[in-house]
Amino acid sequence: MTADEVLRDVMDRWKDAVDAHEPERVAANFTEDAIFQGLRPYGVGRAAVAEYYASQPLGLTAEYRVLETRDLADDLVLGYLEVDFSFVDRPTLRVHLGVVVRNGLITHYQVAKPA
């Protein structure tokens, strides 16, 4: 698979789980030792990812666009994305997202608000 295909595969699974508000399924897309930085202090591992997404409001959905991908090594892909998180009761939040995918799972996830 190409870097773009690898990235889209994991991000499609992530999006599906986020949209369904299934925190444990979101976390299953991350490695056991993943570094996760949402818009709050960072966490490490699947439990931190699940806790973060469990705290998100019902109705949250995500739409992503891949901006760049790079093959870093065999089974290691870097992705840079733009993500729109939509809510039922407030405006959409657009963020930039950097991920590193290892063997089909996210091992590093970092969100930043655009300047």
PDB file of N, CA and C in Angstrom:
ATOM      1  N   MET A   1       0.840  -1.188   0.000  1.00  0.00           N
ATOM      2  CA  MET A   1       0.000   0.000   0.000  1.00  0.00           C
ATOM      3  C   MET A   1       0.885   1.251   0.000  1.00  0.00           C
ATOM      4  N   THR A   2       0.370   2.311  -0.613  1.00  0.00           N
ATOM      5  CA  THR A   2       1.086   3.584  -0.597  1.00  0.00           C
ATOM      6  C   THR A   2       0.923   4.257   0.759  1.00  0.00           C
ATOM      7  N   ALA A   3       1.738   5.272   1.030  1.00  0.00           N
ATOM      8  CA  ALA A   3       1.622   6.027   2.283  1.00  0.00           C
ATOM      9  C   ALA A   3       0.222   6.625   2.411  1.00  0.00           C
ATOM     10  N   ASP A   4      -0.304   7.152   1.315  1.00  0.00           N
ATOM     11  CA  ASP A   4      -1.641   7.743   1.342  1.00  0.00           C
ATOM     12  C   ASP A   4      -2.703   6.701   1.683  1.00  0.00           C
ATOM     13  N   GLU A   5      -2.593   5.524   1.109  1.00  0.00           N
ATOM     14  CA  GLU A   5      -3.562   4.450   1.383  1.00  0.00           C
ATOM     15  C   GLU A   5      -3.479   3.991   2.838  1.00  0.00           C
ATOM     16  N   VAL A   6      -2.268   3.848   3.351  1.00  0.00           N
ATOM     17  CA  VAL A   6      -2.083   3.447   4.761  1.00  0.00           C
ATOM     18  C   VAL A   6      -2.728   4.477   5.679  1.00  0.00           C
ATOM     19  N   LEU A   7      -2.448   5.750   5.403  1.00  0.00           N
ATOM     20  CA  LEU A   7      -2.996   6.816   6.236  1.00  0.00           C
ATOM     21  C   LEU A   7      -4.517   6.848   6.163  1.00  0.00           C
ATOM     22  N   ARG A   8      -5.073   6.793   4.961  1.00  0.00           N
ATOM     23  CA  ARG A   8      -6.535   6.834   4.813  1.00  0.00           C
ATOM     24  C   ARG A   8      -7.212   5.629   5.466  1.00  0.00           C
ATOM     25  N   ASP A   9      -6.578   4.481   5.416  1.00  0.00           N
ATOM     26  CA  ASP A   9      -7.152   3.291   6.039  1.00  0.00           C
ATOM     27  C   ASP A   9      -7.337   3.500   7.538  1.00  0.00           C
ATOM     28  N   VAL A  10      -6.283   3.923   8.227  1.00  0.00           N
ATOM     29  CA  VAL A  10      -6.393   4.119   9.674  1.00  0.00           C
ATOM     30  C   VAL A  10      -7.281   5.319  10.003  1.00  0.00           C
ATOM     31  N   MET A  11      -7.199   6.386   9.226  1.00  0.00           N
ATOM     32  CA  MET A  11      -8.015   7.568   9.525  1.00  0.00           C
ATOM     33  C   MET A  11      -9.492   7.326   9.238  1.00  0.00           C
ATOM     34  N   ASP A  12      -9.809   6.487   8.272  1.00  0.00           N
ATOM     35  CA  ASP A  12     -11.218   6.125   8.041  1.00  0.00           C
ATOM     36  C   ASP A  12     -11.775   5.343   9.232  1.00  0.00           C
ATOM     37  N   ARG A  13     -10.971   4.416   9.774  1.00  0.00           N
ATOM     38  CA  ARG A  13     -11.408   3.665  10.967  1.00  0.00           C
ATOM     39  C   ARG A  13     -11.568   4.604  12.157  1.00  0.00           C
ATOM     40  N   TRP A  14     -10.606   5.526  12.334  1.00  0.00           N
ATOM     41  CA  TRP A  14     -10.662   6.513  13.417  1.00  0.00           C
ATOM     42  C   TRP A  14     -11.927   7.364  13.290  1.00  0.00           C
ATOM     43  N   LYS A  15     -12.172   7.904  12.096  1.00  0.00           N
ATOM     44  CA  LYS A  15     -13.339   8.755  11.860  1.00  0.00           C
ATOM     45  C   LYS A  15     -14.638   7.999  12.148  1.00  0.00           C
ATOM     46  N   ASP A  16     -14.737   6.784  11.674  1.00  0.00           N
ATOM     47  CA  ASP A  16     -15.944   5.986  11.888  1.00  0.00           C
ATOM     48  C   ASP A  16     -16.221   5.808  13.381  1.00  0.00           C
ATOM     49  N   ALA A  17     -15.181   5.544  14.148  1.00  0.00           N
ATOM     50  CA  ALA A  17     -15.344   5.357  15.592  1.00  0.00           C
ATOM     51  C   ALA A  17     -15.645   6.675  16.304  1.00  0.00           C
ATOM     52  N   VAL A  18     -15.005   7.777  15.884  1.00  0.00           N
ATOM     53  CA  VAL A  18     -15.299   9.093  16.467  1.00  0.00           C
ATOM     54  C   VAL A  18     -16.755   9.451  16.206  1.00  0.00           C
ATOM     55  N   ASP A  19     -17.193   9.314  14.961  1.00  0.00           N
ATOM     56  CA  ASP A  19     -18.565   9.667  14.590  1.00  0.00           C
ATOM     57  C   ASP A  19     -19.594   8.833  15.348  1.00  0.00           C
ATOM     58  N   ALA A  20     -19.251   7.594  15.664  1.00  0.00           N
ATOM     59  CA  ALA A  20     -20.157   6.697  16.392  1.00  0.00           C
ATOM     60  C   ALA A  20     -20.071   6.886  17.907  1.00  0.00           C
ATOM     61  N   HIS A  21     -19.183   7.765  18.364  1.00  0.00           N
ATOM     62  CA  HIS A  21     -18.922   8.006  19.787  1.00  0.00           C
ATOM     63  C   HIS A  21     -18.634   6.681  20.510  1.00  0.00           C
ATOM     64  N   GLU A  22     -17.631   5.966  19.981  1.00  0.00           N
ATOM     65  CA  GLU A  22     -17.186   4.698  20.564  1.00  0.00           C
ATOM     66  C   GLU A  22     -15.708   4.832  20.952  1.00  0.00           C
ATOM     67  N   PRO A  23     -15.459   5.394  22.142  1.00  0.00           N
ATOM     68  CA  PRO A  23     -14.086   5.699  22.563  1.00  0.00           C
ATOM     69  C   PRO A  23     -13.130   4.509  22.542  1.00  0.00           C
ATOM     70  N   GLU A  24     -13.594   3.343  22.926  1.00  0.00           N
ATOM     71  CA  GLU A  24     -12.714   2.172  22.939  1.00  0.00           C
ATOM     72  C   GLU A  24     -12.330   1.771  21.516  1.00  0.00           C
ATOM     73  N   ARG A  25     -13.255   1.938  20.582  1.00  0.00           N
ATOM     74  CA  ARG A  25     -12.960   1.626  19.184  1.00  0.00           C
ATOM     75  C   ARG A  25     -12.023   2.675  18.588  1.00  0.00           C
ATOM     76  N   VAL A  26     -12.175   3.941  19.007  1.00  0.00           N
ATOM     77  CA  VAL A  26     -11.210   4.968  18.588  1.00  0.00           C
ATOM     78  C   VAL A  26      -9.824   4.547  19.062  1.00  0.00           C
ATOM     79  N   ALA A  27      -9.720   4.194  20.328  1.00  0.00           N
ATOM     80  CA  ALA A  27      -8.428   3.840  20.928  1.00  0.00           C
ATOM     81  C   ALA A  27      -7.801   2.611  20.277  1.00  0.00           C
ATOM     82  N   ALA A  28      -8.614   1.719  19.739  1.00  0.00           N
ATOM     83  CA  ALA A  28      -8.087   0.513  19.091  1.00  0.00           C
ATOM     84  C   ALA A  28      -7.269   0.843  17.843  1.00  0.00           C
ATOM     85  N   ASN A  29      -7.368   2.069  17.343  1.00  0.00           N
ATOM     86  CA  ASN A  29      -6.604   2.499  16.168  1.00  0.00           C
ATOM     87  C   ASN A  29      -5.226   3.053  16.538  1.00  0.00           C
ATOM     88  N   PHE A  30      -4.879   2.996  17.818  1.00  0.00           N
ATOM     89  CA  PHE A  30      -3.617   3.520  18.328  1.00  0.00           C
ATOM     90  C   PHE A  30      -2.765   2.378  18.875  1.00  0.00           C
ATOM     91  N   THR A  31      -1.455   2.572  18.863  1.00  0.00           N
ATOM     92  CA  THR A  31      -0.570   1.587  19.480  1.00  0.00           C
ATOM     93  C   THR A  31      -0.724   1.659  20.999  1.00  0.00           C
ATOM     94  N   GLU A  32      -0.275   0.614  21.668  1.00  0.00           N
ATOM     95  CA  GLU A  32      -0.360   0.564  23.135  1.00  0.00           C
ATOM     96  C   GLU A  32       0.424   1.699  23.789  1.00  0.00           C
ATOM     97  N   ASP A  33       1.481   2.176  23.120  1.00  0.00           N
ATOM     98  CA  ASP A  33       2.332   3.219  23.691  1.00  0.00           C
ATOM     99  C   ASP A  33       2.203   4.552  22.957  1.00  0.00           C
ATOM    100  N   ALA A  34       1.093   4.765  22.275  1.00  0.00           N
ATOM    101  CA  ALA A  34       0.906   5.976  21.468  1.00  0.00           C
ATOM    102  C   ALA A  34       0.992   7.241  22.322  1.00  0.00           C
ATOM    103  N   ILE A  35       1.642   8.243  21.759  1.00  0.00           N
ATOM    104  CA  ILE A  35       1.644   9.580  22.355  1.00  0.00           C
ATOM    105  C   ILE A  35       0.473  10.318  21.729  1.00  0.00           C
ATOM    106  N   PHE A  36      -0.434  10.803  22.570  1.00  0.00           N
ATOM    107  CA  PHE A  36      -1.669  11.423  22.100  1.00  0.00           C
ATOM    108  C   PHE A  36      -1.775  12.844  22.641  1.00  0.00           C
ATOM    109  N   GLN A  37      -1.839  13.806  21.729  1.00  0.00           N
ATOM    110  CA  GLN A  37      -2.001  15.215  22.109  1.00  0.00           C
ATOM    111  C   GLN A  37      -3.219  15.761  21.396  1.00  0.00           C
ATOM    112  N   GLY A  38      -4.333  15.830  22.134  1.00  0.00           N
ATOM    113  CA  GLY A  38      -5.521  16.503  21.624  1.00  0.00           C
ATOM    114  C   GLY A  38      -5.404  17.976  21.984  1.00  0.00           C
ATOM    115  N   LEU A  39      -6.515  18.582  22.349  1.00  0.00           N
ATOM    116  CA  LEU A  39      -6.490  20.001  22.729  1.00  0.00           C
ATOM    117  C   LEU A  39      -6.349  20.201  24.232  1.00  0.00           C
ATOM    118  N   ARG A  40      -6.075  19.110  24.934  1.00  0.00           N
ATOM    119  CA  ARG A  40      -5.808  19.174  26.375  1.00  0.00           C
ATOM    120  C   ARG A  40      -4.452  18.518  26.626  1.00  0.00           C
ATOM    121  N   PRO A  41      -3.994  18.496  27.858  1.00  0.00           N
ATOM    122  CA  PRO A  41      -2.688  17.873  28.133  1.00  0.00           C
ATOM    123  C   PRO A  41      -2.588  16.477  27.528  1.00  0.00           C
ATOM    124  N   TYR A  42      -1.387  16.123  27.132  1.00  0.00           N
ATOM    125  CA  TYR A  42      -1.177  14.874  26.416  1.00  0.00           C
ATOM    126  C   TYR A  42      -1.355  13.660  27.315  1.00  0.00           C
ATOM    127  N   GLY A  43      -1.517  12.519  26.665  1.00  0.00           N
ATOM    128  CA  GLY A  43      -1.586  11.242  27.360  1.00  0.00           C
ATOM    129  C   GLY A  43      -0.821  10.207  26.564  1.00  0.00           C
ATOM    130  N   VAL A  44      -0.600   9.067  27.182  1.00  0.00           N
ATOM    131  CA  VAL A  44       0.117   7.982  26.529  1.00  0.00           C
ATOM    132  C   VAL A  44      -0.717   6.712  26.622  1.00  0.00           C
ATOM    133  N   GLY A  45      -0.869   6.053  25.495  1.00  0.00           N
ATOM    134  CA  GLY A  45      -1.527   4.756  25.459  1.00  0.00           C
ATOM    135  C   GLY A  45      -3.006   4.824  25.130  1.00  0.00           C
ATOM    136  N   ARG A  46      -3.539   3.649  24.874  1.00  0.00           N
ATOM    137  CA  ARG A  46      -4.941   3.532  24.462  1.00  0.00           C
ATOM    138  C   ARG A  46      -5.915   4.024  25.528  1.00  0.00           C
ATOM    139  N   ALA A  47      -5.599   3.803  26.785  1.00  0.00           N
ATOM    140  CA  ALA A  47      -6.508   4.252  27.847  1.00  0.00           C
ATOM    141  C   ALA A  47      -6.652   5.769  27.820  1.00  0.00           C
ATOM    142  N   ALA A  48      -5.559   6.485  27.581  1.00  0.00           N
ATOM    143  CA  ALA A  48      -5.614   7.954  27.505  1.00  0.00           C
ATOM    144  C   ALA A  48      -6.442   8.402  26.315  1.00  0.00           C
ATOM    145  N   VAL A  49      -6.308   7.713  25.194  1.00  0.00           N
ATOM    146  CA  VAL A  49      -7.090   8.045  24.002  1.00  0.00           C
ATOM    147  C   VAL A  49      -8.575   7.808  24.270  1.00  0.00           C
ATOM    148  N   ALA A  50      -8.901   6.662  24.839  1.00  0.00           N
ATOM    149  CA  ALA A  50     -10.304   6.343  25.132  1.00  0.00           C
ATOM    150  C   ALA A  50     -10.901   7.348  26.110  1.00  0.00           C
ATOM    151  N   GLU A  51     -10.143   7.726  27.130  1.00  0.00           N
ATOM    152  CA  GLU A  51     -10.630   8.704  28.106  1.00  0.00           C
ATOM    153  C   GLU A  51     -10.908  10.051  27.435  1.00  0.00           C
ATOM    154  N   TYR A  52     -10.010  10.475  26.570  1.00  0.00           N
ATOM    155  CA  TYR A  52     -10.181  11.750  25.866  1.00  0.00           C
ATOM    156  C   TYR A  52     -11.462  11.733  25.023  1.00  0.00           C
ATOM    157  N   TYR A  53     -11.642  10.691  24.232  1.00  0.00           N
ATOM    158  CA  TYR A  53     -12.818  10.647  23.360  1.00  0.00           C
ATOM    159  C   TYR A  53     -14.104  10.359  24.122  1.00  0.00           C
ATOM    160  N   ALA A  54     -14.029   9.697  25.262  1.00  0.00           N
ATOM    161  CA  ALA A  54     -15.225   9.500  26.092  1.00  0.00           C
ATOM    162  C   ALA A  54     -15.731  10.833  26.619  1.00  0.00           C
ATOM    163  N   SER A  55     -14.840  11.799  26.782  1.00  0.00           N
ATOM    164  CA  SER A  55     -15.222  13.109  27.319  1.00  0.00           C
ATOM    165  C   SER A  55     -15.785  14.045  26.238  1.00  0.00           C
ATOM    166  N   GLN A  56     -15.729  13.619  24.987  1.00  0.00           N
ATOM    167  CA  GLN A  56     -16.235  14.466  23.903  1.00  0.00           C
ATOM    168  C   GLN A  56     -17.762  14.381  23.851  1.00  0.00           C
ATOM    169  N   PRO A  57     -18.414  15.458  23.414  1.00  0.00           N
ATOM    170  CA  PRO A  57     -19.876  15.473  23.418  1.00  0.00           C
ATOM    171  C   PRO A  57     -20.479  14.531  22.382  1.00  0.00           C
ATOM    172  N   LEU A  58     -21.644  14.008  22.707  1.00  0.00           N
ATOM    173  CA  LEU A  58     -22.392  13.199  21.739  1.00  0.00           C
ATOM    174  C   LEU A  58     -22.679  14.061  20.521  1.00  0.00           C
ATOM    175  N   GLY A  59     -22.646  13.452  19.369  1.00  0.00           N
ATOM    176  CA  GLY A  59     -22.904  14.187  18.142  1.00  0.00           C
ATOM    177  C   GLY A  59     -21.656  14.735  17.476  1.00  0.00           C
ATOM    178  N   LEU A  60     -20.494  14.636  18.146  1.00  0.00           N
ATOM    179  CA  LEU A  60     -19.236  15.079  17.552  1.00  0.00           C
ATOM    180  C   LEU A  60     -18.952  14.223  16.317  1.00  0.00           C
ATOM    181  N   THR A  61     -18.594  14.870  15.216  1.00  0.00           N
ATOM    182  CA  THR A  61     -18.178  14.159  14.012  1.00  0.00           C
ATOM    183  C   THR A  61     -16.887  14.781  13.498  1.00  0.00           C
ATOM    184  N   ALA A  62     -16.178  14.025  12.685  1.00  0.00           N
ATOM    185  CA  ALA A  62     -14.901  14.482  12.145  1.00  0.00           C
ATOM    186  C   ALA A  62     -14.885  14.295  10.635  1.00  0.00           C
ATOM    187  N   GLU A  63     -14.416  15.314   9.948  1.00  0.00           N
ATOM    188  CA  GLU A  63     -14.160  15.240   8.502  1.00  0.00           C
ATOM    189  C   GLU A  63     -12.703  15.618   8.302  1.00  0.00           C
ATOM    190  N   TYR A  64     -11.954  14.738   7.668  1.00  0.00           N
ATOM    191  CA  TYR A  64     -10.529  15.021   7.488  1.00  0.00           C
ATOM    192  C   TYR A  64     -10.157  15.149   6.011  1.00  0.00           C
ATOM    193  N   ARG A  65      -9.086  15.879   5.797  1.00  0.00           N
ATOM    194  CA  ARG A  65      -8.475  16.015   4.481  1.00  0.00           C
ATOM    195  C   ARG A  65      -6.979  15.775   4.636  1.00  0.00           C
ATOM    196  N   VAL A  66      -6.462  14.872   3.846  1.00  0.00           N
ATOM    197  CA  VAL A  66      -5.025  14.602   3.867  1.00  0.00           C
ATOM    198  C   VAL A  66      -4.326  15.707   3.090  1.00  0.00           C
ATOM    199  N   LEU A  67      -3.386  16.371   3.734  1.00  0.00           N
ATOM    200  CA  LEU A  67      -2.614  17.430   3.085  1.00  0.00           C
ATOM    201  C   LEU A  67      -1.273  16.915   2.575  1.00  0.00           C
ATOM    202  N   GLU A  68      -0.615  16.058   3.358  1.00  0.00           N
ATOM    203  CA  GLU A  68       0.696  15.521   2.984  1.00  0.00           C
ATOM    204  C   GLU A  68       0.880  14.146   3.605  1.00  0.00           C
ATOM    205  N   THR A  69       1.615  13.295   2.912  1.00  0.00           N
ATOM    206  CA  THR A  69       2.046  12.012   3.470  1.00  0.00           C
ATOM    207  C   THR A  69       3.505  11.792   3.108  1.00  0.00           C
ATOM    208  N   ARG A  70       4.183  11.029   3.949  1.00  0.00           N
ATOM    209  CA  ARG A  70       5.567  10.649   3.690  1.00  0.00           C
ATOM    210  C   ARG A  70       5.784   9.227   4.188  1.00  0.00           C
ATOM    211  N   ASP A  71       6.465   8.432   3.379  1.00  0.00           N
ATOM    212  CA  ASP A  71       6.954   7.127   3.829  1.00  0.00           C
ATOM    213  C   ASP A  71       8.242   7.388   4.595  1.00  0.00           C
ATOM    214  N   LEU A  72       8.264   7.092   5.882  1.00  0.00           N
ATOM    215  CA  LEU A  72       9.470   7.306   6.682  1.00  0.00           C
ATOM    216  C   LEU A  72      10.367   6.078   6.681  1.00  0.00           C
ATOM    217  N   ALA A  73       9.753   4.902   6.635  1.00  0.00           N
ATOM    218  CA  ALA A  73      10.468   3.628   6.616  1.00  0.00           C
ATOM    219  C   ALA A  73       9.426   2.556   6.321  1.00  0.00           C
ATOM    220  N   ASP A  74       9.858   1.305   6.226  1.00  0.00           N
ATOM    221  CA  ASP A  74       8.882   0.231   6.043  1.00  0.00           C
ATOM    222  C   ASP A  74       7.883   0.267   7.194  1.00  0.00           C
ATOM    223  N   ASP A  75       6.603   0.289   6.857  1.00  0.00           N
ATOM    224  CA  ASP A  75       5.521   0.274   7.847  1.00  0.00           C
ATOM    225  C   ASP A  75       5.514   1.486   8.777  1.00  0.00           C
ATOM    226  N   LEU A  76       6.052   2.620   8.307  1.00  0.00           N
ATOM    227  CA  LEU A  76       6.054   3.855   9.100  1.00  0.00           C
ATOM    228  C   LEU A  76       5.710   5.021   8.182  1.00  0.00           C
ATOM    229  N   VAL A  77       4.562   5.656   8.454  1.00  0.00           N
ATOM    230  CA  VAL A  77       4.038   6.721   7.597  1.00  0.00           C
ATOM    231  C   VAL A  77       3.783   7.966   8.425  1.00  0.00           C
ATOM    232  N   LEU A  78       4.156   9.109   7.874  1.00  0.00           N
ATOM    233  CA  LEU A  78       3.855  10.408   8.465  1.00  0.00           C
ATOM    234  C   LEU A  78       2.688  11.010   7.694  1.00  0.00           C
ATOM    235  N   GLY A  79       1.722  11.559   8.408  1.00  0.00           N
ATOM    236  CA  GLY A  79       0.596  12.224   7.765  1.00  0.00           C
ATOM    237  C   GLY A  79       0.337  13.580   8.377  1.00  0.00           C
ATOM    238  N   TYR A  80      -0.020  14.520   7.523  1.00  0.00           N
ATOM    239  CA  TYR A  80      -0.406  15.857   7.956  1.00  0.00           C
ATOM    240  C   TYR A  80      -1.780  16.107   7.374  1.00  0.00           C
ATOM    241  N   LEU A  81      -2.741  16.434   8.252  1.00  0.00           N
ATOM    242  CA  LEU A  81      -4.134  16.539   7.846  1.00  0.00           C
ATOM    243  C   LEU A  81      -4.775  17.811   8.373  1.00  0.00           C
ATOM    244  N   GLU A  82      -5.895  18.146   7.773  1.00  0.00           N
ATOM    245  CA  GLU A  82      -6.776  19.183   8.289  1.00  0.00           C
ATOM    246  C   GLU A  82      -8.052  18.461   8.688  1.00  0.00           C
ATOM    247  N   VAL A  83      -8.536  18.735   9.895  1.00  0.00           N
ATOM    248  CA  VAL A  83      -9.724  18.047  10.400  1.00  0.00           C
ATOM    249  C   VAL A  83     -10.740  19.075  10.873  1.00  0.00           C
ATOM    250  N   ASP A  84     -11.981  18.895  10.459  1.00  0.00           N
ATOM    251  CA  ASP A  84     -13.096  19.690  10.958  1.00  0.00           C
ATOM    252  C   ASP A  84     -13.890  18.835  11.928  1.00  0.00           C
ATOM    253  N   PHE A  85     -13.896  19.240  13.199  1.00  0.00           N
ATOM    254  CA  PHE A  85     -14.725  18.583  14.202  1.00  0.00           C
ATOM    255  C   PHE A  85     -16.031  19.369  14.304  1.00  0.00           C
ATOM    256  N   SER A  86     -17.138  18.707  14.026  1.00  0.00           N
ATOM    257  CA  SER A  86     -18.442  19.361  14.073  1.00  0.00           C
ATOM    258  C   SER A  86     -19.196  18.922  15.321  1.00  0.00           C
ATOM    259  N   PHE A  87     -19.938  19.868  15.882  1.00  0.00           N
ATOM    260  CA  PHE A  87     -20.707  19.662  17.109  1.00  0.00           C
ATOM    261  C   PHE A  87     -22.167  19.983  16.834  1.00  0.00           C
ATOM    262  N   VAL A  88     -23.050  19.496  17.685  1.00  0.00           N
ATOM    263  CA  VAL A  88     -24.474  19.797  17.497  1.00  0.00           C
ATOM    264  C   VAL A  88     -24.847  21.162  18.063  1.00  0.00           C
ATOM    265  N   ASP A  89     -24.025  21.710  18.962  1.00  0.00           N
ATOM    266  CA  ASP A  89     -24.426  22.919  19.677  1.00  0.00           C
ATOM    267  C   ASP A  89     -23.423  24.072  19.617  1.00  0.00           C
ATOM    268  N   ARG A  90     -22.428  23.963  18.747  1.00  0.00           N
ATOM    269  CA  ARG A  90     -21.431  25.046  18.620  1.00  0.00           C
ATOM    270  C   ARG A  90     -20.770  24.965  17.248  1.00  0.00           C
ATOM    271  N   PRO A  91     -20.034  26.007  16.900  1.00  0.00           N
ATOM    272  CA  PRO A  91     -19.421  26.032  15.574  1.00  0.00           C
ATOM    273  C   PRO A  91     -18.381  24.920  15.376  1.00  0.00           C
ATOM    274  N   THR A  92     -18.172  24.577  14.132  1.00  0.00           N
ATOM    275  CA  THR A  92     -17.161  23.593  13.751  1.00  0.00           C
ATOM    276  C   THR A  92     -15.773  24.102  14.143  1.00  0.00           C
ATOM    277  N   LEU A  93     -14.953  23.188  14.608  1.00  0.00           N
ATOM    278  CA  LEU A  93     -13.585  23.499  14.994  1.00  0.00           C
ATOM    279  C   LEU A  93     -12.643  22.881  13.974  1.00  0.00           C
ATOM    280  N   ARG A  94     -11.867  23.711  13.292  1.00  0.00           N
ATOM    281  CA  ARG A  94     -10.867  23.222  12.329  1.00  0.00           C
ATOM    282  C   ARG A  94      -9.513  23.168  13.017  1.00  0.00           C
ATOM    283  N   VAL A  95      -8.834  22.030  12.855  1.00  0.00           N
ATOM    284  CA  VAL A  95      -7.505  21.849  13.435  1.00  0.00           C
ATOM    285  C   VAL A  95      -6.572  21.246  12.392  1.00  0.00           C
ATOM    286  N   HIS A  96      -5.290  21.346  12.666  1.00  0.00           N
ATOM    287  CA  HIS A  96      -4.276  20.620  11.912  1.00  0.00           C
ATOM    288  C   HIS A  96      -3.879  19.417  12.750  1.00  0.00           C
ATOM    289  N   LEU A  97      -3.644  18.312  12.090  1.00  0.00           N
ATOM    290  CA  LEU A  97      -3.331  17.067  12.784  1.00  0.00           C
ATOM    291  C   LEU A  97      -2.107  16.424  12.142  1.00  0.00           C
ATOM    292  N   GLY A  98      -1.126  16.129  12.963  1.00  0.00           N
ATOM    293  CA  GLY A  98       0.027  15.362  12.525  1.00  0.00           C
ATOM    294  C   GLY A  98      -0.041  13.985  13.164  1.00  0.00           C
ATOM    295  N   VAL A  99       0.139  12.952  12.351  1.00  0.00           N
ATOM    296  CA  VAL A  99       0.124  11.584  12.872  1.00  0.00           C
ATOM    297  C   VAL A  99       1.315  10.811  12.311  1.00  0.00           C
ATOM    298  N   VAL A 100       1.763   9.859  13.101  1.00  0.00           N
ATOM    299  CA  VAL A 100       2.717   8.863  12.636  1.00  0.00           C
ATOM    300  C   VAL A 100       2.017   7.518  12.787  1.00  0.00           C
ATOM    301  N   VAL A 101       1.998   6.763  11.706  1.00  0.00           N
ATOM    302  CA  VAL A 101       1.323   5.462  11.679  1.00  0.00           C
ATOM    303  C   VAL A 101       2.384   4.380  11.533  1.00  0.00           C
ATOM    304  N   ARG A 102       2.347   3.436  12.465  1.00  0.00           N
ATOM    305  CA  ARG A 102       3.283   2.311  12.449  1.00  0.00           C
ATOM    306  C   ARG A 102       2.493   1.018  12.368  1.00  0.00           C
ATOM    307  N   ASN A 103       2.761   0.236  11.354  1.00  0.00           N
ATOM    308  CA  ASN A 103       2.066  -1.044  11.173  1.00  0.00           C
ATOM    309  C   ASN A 103       0.543  -0.880  11.225  1.00  0.00           C
ATOM    310  N   GLY A 104       0.040   0.169  10.613  1.00  0.00           N
ATOM    311  CA  GLY A 104      -1.400   0.367  10.498  1.00  0.00           C
ATOM    312  C   GLY A 104      -2.076   0.951  11.715  1.00  0.00           C
ATOM    313  N   LEU A 105      -1.304   1.373  12.730  1.00  0.00           N
ATOM    314  CA  LEU A 105      -1.863   1.979  13.940  1.00  0.00           C
ATOM    315  C   LEU A 105      -1.184   3.317  14.203  1.00  0.00           C
ATOM    316  N   ILE A 106      -1.907   4.233  14.809  1.00  0.00           N
ATOM    317  CA  ILE A 106      -1.372   5.566  15.115  1.00  0.00           C
ATOM    318  C   ILE A 106      -0.471   5.440  16.335  1.00  0.00           C
ATOM    319  N   THR A 107       0.764   5.892  16.206  1.00  0.00           N
ATOM    320  CA  THR A 107       1.704   5.849  17.323  1.00  0.00           C
ATOM    321  C   THR A 107       2.003   7.251  17.865  1.00  0.00           C
ATOM    322  N   HIS A 108       1.669   8.250  17.077  1.00  0.00           N
ATOM    323  CA  HIS A 108       1.820   9.652  17.510  1.00  0.00           C
ATOM    324  C   HIS A 108       0.693  10.465  16.872  1.00  0.00           C
ATOM    325  N   TYR A 109       0.028  11.299  17.693  1.00  0.00           N
ATOM    326  CA  TYR A 109      -1.133  12.084  17.249  1.00  0.00           C
ATOM    327  C   TYR A 109      -1.013  13.441  17.918  1.00  0.00           C
ATOM    328  N   GLN A 110      -0.920  14.487  17.112  1.00  0.00           N
ATOM    329  CA  GLN A 110      -0.789  15.823  17.688  1.00  0.00           C
ATOM    330  C   GLN A 110      -1.653  16.819  16.926  1.00  0.00           C
ATOM    331  N   VAL A 111      -2.543  17.467  17.672  1.00  0.00           N
ATOM    332  CA  VAL A 111      -3.462  18.462  17.125  1.00  0.00           C
ATOM    333  C   VAL A 111      -2.943  19.855  17.439  1.00  0.00           C
ATOM    334  N   ALA A 112      -3.145  20.774  16.495  1.00  0.00           N
ATOM    335  CA  ALA A 112      -2.828  22.184  16.705  1.00  0.00           C
ATOM    336  C   ALA A 112      -3.923  23.014  16.042  1.00  0.00           C
ATOM    337  N   LYS A 113      -4.284  24.090  16.720  1.00  0.00           N
ATOM    338  CA  LYS A 113      -5.212  25.045  16.115  1.00  0.00           C
ATOM    339  C   LYS A 113      -4.438  25.892  15.115  1.00  0.00           C
ATOM    340  N   PRO A 114      -4.999  26.097  13.918  1.00  0.00           N
ATOM    341  CA  PRO A 114      -4.311  26.963  12.941  1.00  0.00           C
ATOM    342  C   PRO A 114      -4.151  28.372  13.479  1.00  0.00           C
ATOM    343  N   ALA A 115      -3.093  29.023  13.060  1.00  0.00           N
ATOM    344  CA  ALA A 115      -2.832  30.399  13.499  1.00  0.00           C
ATOM    345  C   ALA A 115      -3.817  31.355  12.872  1.00  0.00           C
TER     346      ALA A 115
END
